[in-house]
Amino acid sequence: MNYWSCRECSYVFQVESPPESCPSCGAKCTFRDVNCYIPECGGPDNIDYGLLGQILSQNKEEE
């Protein structure tokens, strides 16, 4: 299973492939892959919280 983050509300959820709309806010959007691919964040099957933190910071700057 993969972790995805909604580009509109930053909701994170785990599914194999992202749906057309966010299960939290209902927006039709694209999703960011927030899976961990390096040992520092635990490797596969974990969320890359460093990447998620960057995404949240970018969202705040855009507001």
N, C-alpha and C. Protein backbone atom coordinates (compact mmCIF):
# COMPACT_ATOMS: atom_id res chain seq x y z
N MET A 1 0.84 -1.18 0.00
CA MET A 1 0.00 0.00 0.00
C MET A 1 0.88 1.24 0.00
N ASN A 2 0.42 2.28 -0.63
CA ASN A 2 1.16 3.53 -0.73
C ASN A 2 0.49 4.63 0.07
N TYR A 3 1.29 5.60 0.49
CA TYR A 3 0.77 6.77 1.20
C TYR A 3 0.68 7.94 0.22
N TRP A 4 -0.44 8.64 0.27
CA TRP A 4 -0.69 9.78 -0.62
C TRP A 4 -1.16 10.96 0.21
N SER A 5 -0.81 12.16 -0.24
CA SER A 5 -1.23 13.39 0.42
C SER A 5 -2.01 14.25 -0.57
N CYS A 6 -3.18 14.71 -0.15
CA CYS A 6 -4.02 15.57 -1.00
C CYS A 6 -3.33 16.92 -1.18
N ARG A 7 -3.27 17.41 -2.39
CA ARG A 7 -2.65 18.71 -2.66
C ARG A 7 -3.50 19.88 -2.17
N GLU A 8 -4.78 19.62 -1.91
CA GLU A 8 -5.67 20.70 -1.45
C GLU A 8 -5.67 20.84 0.08
N CYS A 9 -5.86 19.73 0.79
CA CYS A 9 -6.01 19.81 2.25
C CYS A 9 -4.90 19.10 3.02
N SER A 10 -3.96 18.44 2.32
CA SER A 10 -2.82 17.73 2.91
C SER A 10 -3.20 16.47 3.68
N TYR A 11 -4.44 16.01 3.54
CA TYR A 11 -4.86 14.76 4.18
C TYR A 11 -3.99 13.62 3.65
N VAL A 12 -3.53 12.76 4.55
CA VAL A 12 -2.69 11.62 4.18
C VAL A 12 -3.49 10.34 4.38
N PHE A 13 -3.46 9.47 3.39
CA PHE A 13 -4.16 8.21 3.49
C PHE A 13 -3.38 7.14 2.74
N GLN A 14 -3.73 5.89 3.01
CA GLN A 14 -2.99 4.77 2.45
C GLN A 14 -3.91 3.94 1.56
N VAL A 15 -3.59 3.91 0.28
CA VAL A 15 -4.28 3.08 -0.71
C VAL A 15 -3.26 2.72 -1.79
N GLU A 16 -3.57 1.73 -2.59
CA GLU A 16 -2.63 1.32 -3.63
C GLU A 16 -2.42 2.42 -4.67
N SER A 17 -3.51 3.00 -5.15
CA SER A 17 -3.41 4.12 -6.09
C SER A 17 -4.45 5.17 -5.69
N PRO A 18 -4.14 6.45 -5.88
CA PRO A 18 -5.03 7.51 -5.40
C PRO A 18 -6.34 7.56 -6.19
N PRO A 19 -7.43 7.94 -5.52
CA PRO A 19 -8.73 8.08 -6.18
C PRO A 19 -8.80 9.39 -6.97
N GLU A 20 -9.90 9.64 -7.63
CA GLU A 20 -10.08 10.89 -8.38
C GLU A 20 -10.30 12.07 -7.45
N SER A 21 -10.95 11.83 -6.32
CA SER A 21 -11.19 12.93 -5.38
C SER A 21 -10.74 12.53 -3.98
N CYS A 22 -10.42 13.52 -3.18
CA CYS A 22 -9.91 13.31 -1.83
C CYS A 22 -11.01 12.76 -0.92
N PRO A 23 -10.71 11.71 -0.14
CA PRO A 23 -11.70 11.18 0.79
C PRO A 23 -12.00 12.12 1.96
N SER A 24 -11.15 13.12 2.18
CA SER A 24 -11.37 14.05 3.29
C SER A 24 -12.11 15.31 2.85
N CYS A 25 -11.55 16.03 1.86
CA CYS A 25 -12.16 17.31 1.46
C CYS A 25 -13.05 17.19 0.23
N GLY A 26 -12.96 16.07 -0.49
CA GLY A 26 -13.80 15.86 -1.66
C GLY A 26 -13.32 16.54 -2.92
N ALA A 27 -12.20 17.25 -2.86
CA ALA A 27 -11.69 17.97 -4.03
C ALA A 27 -11.15 16.98 -5.07
N LYS A 28 -11.40 17.30 -6.32
CA LYS A 28 -10.79 16.52 -7.39
C LYS A 28 -9.43 17.15 -7.62
N CYS A 29 -8.39 16.40 -7.27
CA CYS A 29 -7.05 16.96 -7.34
C CYS A 29 -6.04 15.87 -7.65
N THR A 30 -4.80 16.29 -7.75
CA THR A 30 -3.73 15.32 -7.87
C THR A 30 -3.18 15.09 -6.47
N PHE A 31 -2.55 13.97 -6.27
CA PHE A 31 -2.04 13.60 -4.96
C PHE A 31 -0.52 13.48 -5.01
N ARG A 32 0.11 13.77 -3.88
CA ARG A 32 1.56 13.64 -3.76
C ARG A 32 1.90 12.30 -3.13
N ASP A 33 2.90 11.65 -3.66
CA ASP A 33 3.41 10.41 -3.11
C ASP A 33 4.27 10.76 -1.90
N VAL A 34 3.89 10.31 -0.70
CA VAL A 34 4.66 10.60 0.51
C VAL A 34 5.22 9.31 1.13
N ASN A 35 5.48 8.31 0.30
CA ASN A 35 6.10 7.08 0.76
C ASN A 35 7.56 7.31 1.09
N CYS A 36 8.05 6.55 2.05
CA CYS A 36 9.46 6.60 2.40
C CYS A 36 10.23 5.65 1.49
N TYR A 37 11.28 6.16 0.87
CA TYR A 37 12.11 5.35 -0.01
C TYR A 37 13.56 5.26 0.47
N ILE A 38 13.82 5.79 1.68
CA ILE A 38 15.19 5.77 2.21
C ILE A 38 15.19 5.19 3.62
N PRO A 39 16.32 4.62 4.06
CA PRO A 39 16.37 4.01 5.39
C PRO A 39 16.14 5.00 6.54
N GLU A 40 16.49 6.26 6.35
CA GLU A 40 16.38 7.25 7.43
C GLU A 40 14.94 7.43 7.94
N CYS A 41 13.96 7.18 7.11
CA CYS A 41 12.57 7.32 7.56
C CYS A 41 11.88 5.97 7.70
N GLY A 42 12.65 4.91 7.68
CA GLY A 42 12.09 3.59 7.93
C GLY A 42 11.90 2.72 6.71
N GLY A 43 12.17 3.25 5.54
CA GLY A 43 12.05 2.48 4.32
C GLY A 43 10.61 2.27 3.87
N PRO A 44 10.41 1.35 2.95
CA PRO A 44 9.07 1.09 2.40
C PRO A 44 8.04 0.81 3.49
N ASP A 45 6.81 1.09 3.18
CA ASP A 45 5.66 0.91 4.09
C ASP A 45 5.62 1.93 5.22
N ASN A 46 6.34 3.04 5.07
CA ASN A 46 6.32 4.12 6.05
C ASN A 46 6.12 5.45 5.34
N ILE A 47 5.62 6.43 6.09
CA ILE A 47 5.46 7.79 5.57
C ILE A 47 6.79 8.51 5.71
N ASP A 48 7.17 9.27 4.70
CA ASP A 48 8.36 10.12 4.77
C ASP A 48 7.92 11.44 5.39
N TYR A 49 8.08 11.56 6.71
CA TYR A 49 7.61 12.76 7.41
C TYR A 49 8.41 13.99 7.04
N GLY A 50 9.65 13.82 6.60
CA GLY A 50 10.43 14.95 6.10
C GLY A 50 9.80 15.53 4.86
N LEU A 51 9.40 14.66 3.94
CA LEU A 51 8.73 15.09 2.72
C LEU A 51 7.37 15.70 3.04
N LEU A 52 6.65 15.08 3.94
CA LEU A 52 5.34 15.59 4.34
C LEU A 52 5.48 16.98 4.96
N GLY A 53 6.51 17.19 5.77
CA GLY A 53 6.75 18.50 6.38
C GLY A 53 7.04 19.55 5.33
N GLN A 54 7.80 19.19 4.28
CA GLN A 54 8.07 20.13 3.19
C GLN A 54 6.78 20.50 2.48
N ILE A 55 5.92 19.53 2.27
CA ILE A 55 4.65 19.77 1.58
C ILE A 55 3.78 20.72 2.41
N LEU A 56 3.70 20.47 3.72
CA LEU A 56 2.90 21.33 4.57
C LEU A 56 3.44 22.74 4.60
N SER A 57 4.77 22.90 4.61
CA SER A 57 5.38 24.23 4.58
C SER A 57 5.07 24.94 3.27
N GLN A 58 5.12 24.23 2.16
CA GLN A 58 4.79 24.82 0.86
C GLN A 58 3.35 25.27 0.81
N ASN A 59 2.44 24.44 1.38
CA ASN A 59 1.03 24.80 1.38
C ASN A 59 0.79 26.08 2.18
N LYS A 60 1.49 26.26 3.31
CA LYS A 60 1.33 27.46 4.12
C LYS A 60 1.85 28.68 3.38
N GLU A 61 2.94 28.53 2.62
CA GLU A 61 3.51 29.65 1.86
C GLU A 61 2.57 30.07 0.75
N GLU A 62 1.85 29.13 0.16
CA GLU A 62 0.94 29.43 -0.95
C GLU A 62 -0.30 30.16 -0.48
N GLU A 63 -0.65 30.03 0.82
CA GLU A 63 -1.86 30.67 1.35
C GLU A 63 -1.64 32.10 1.49
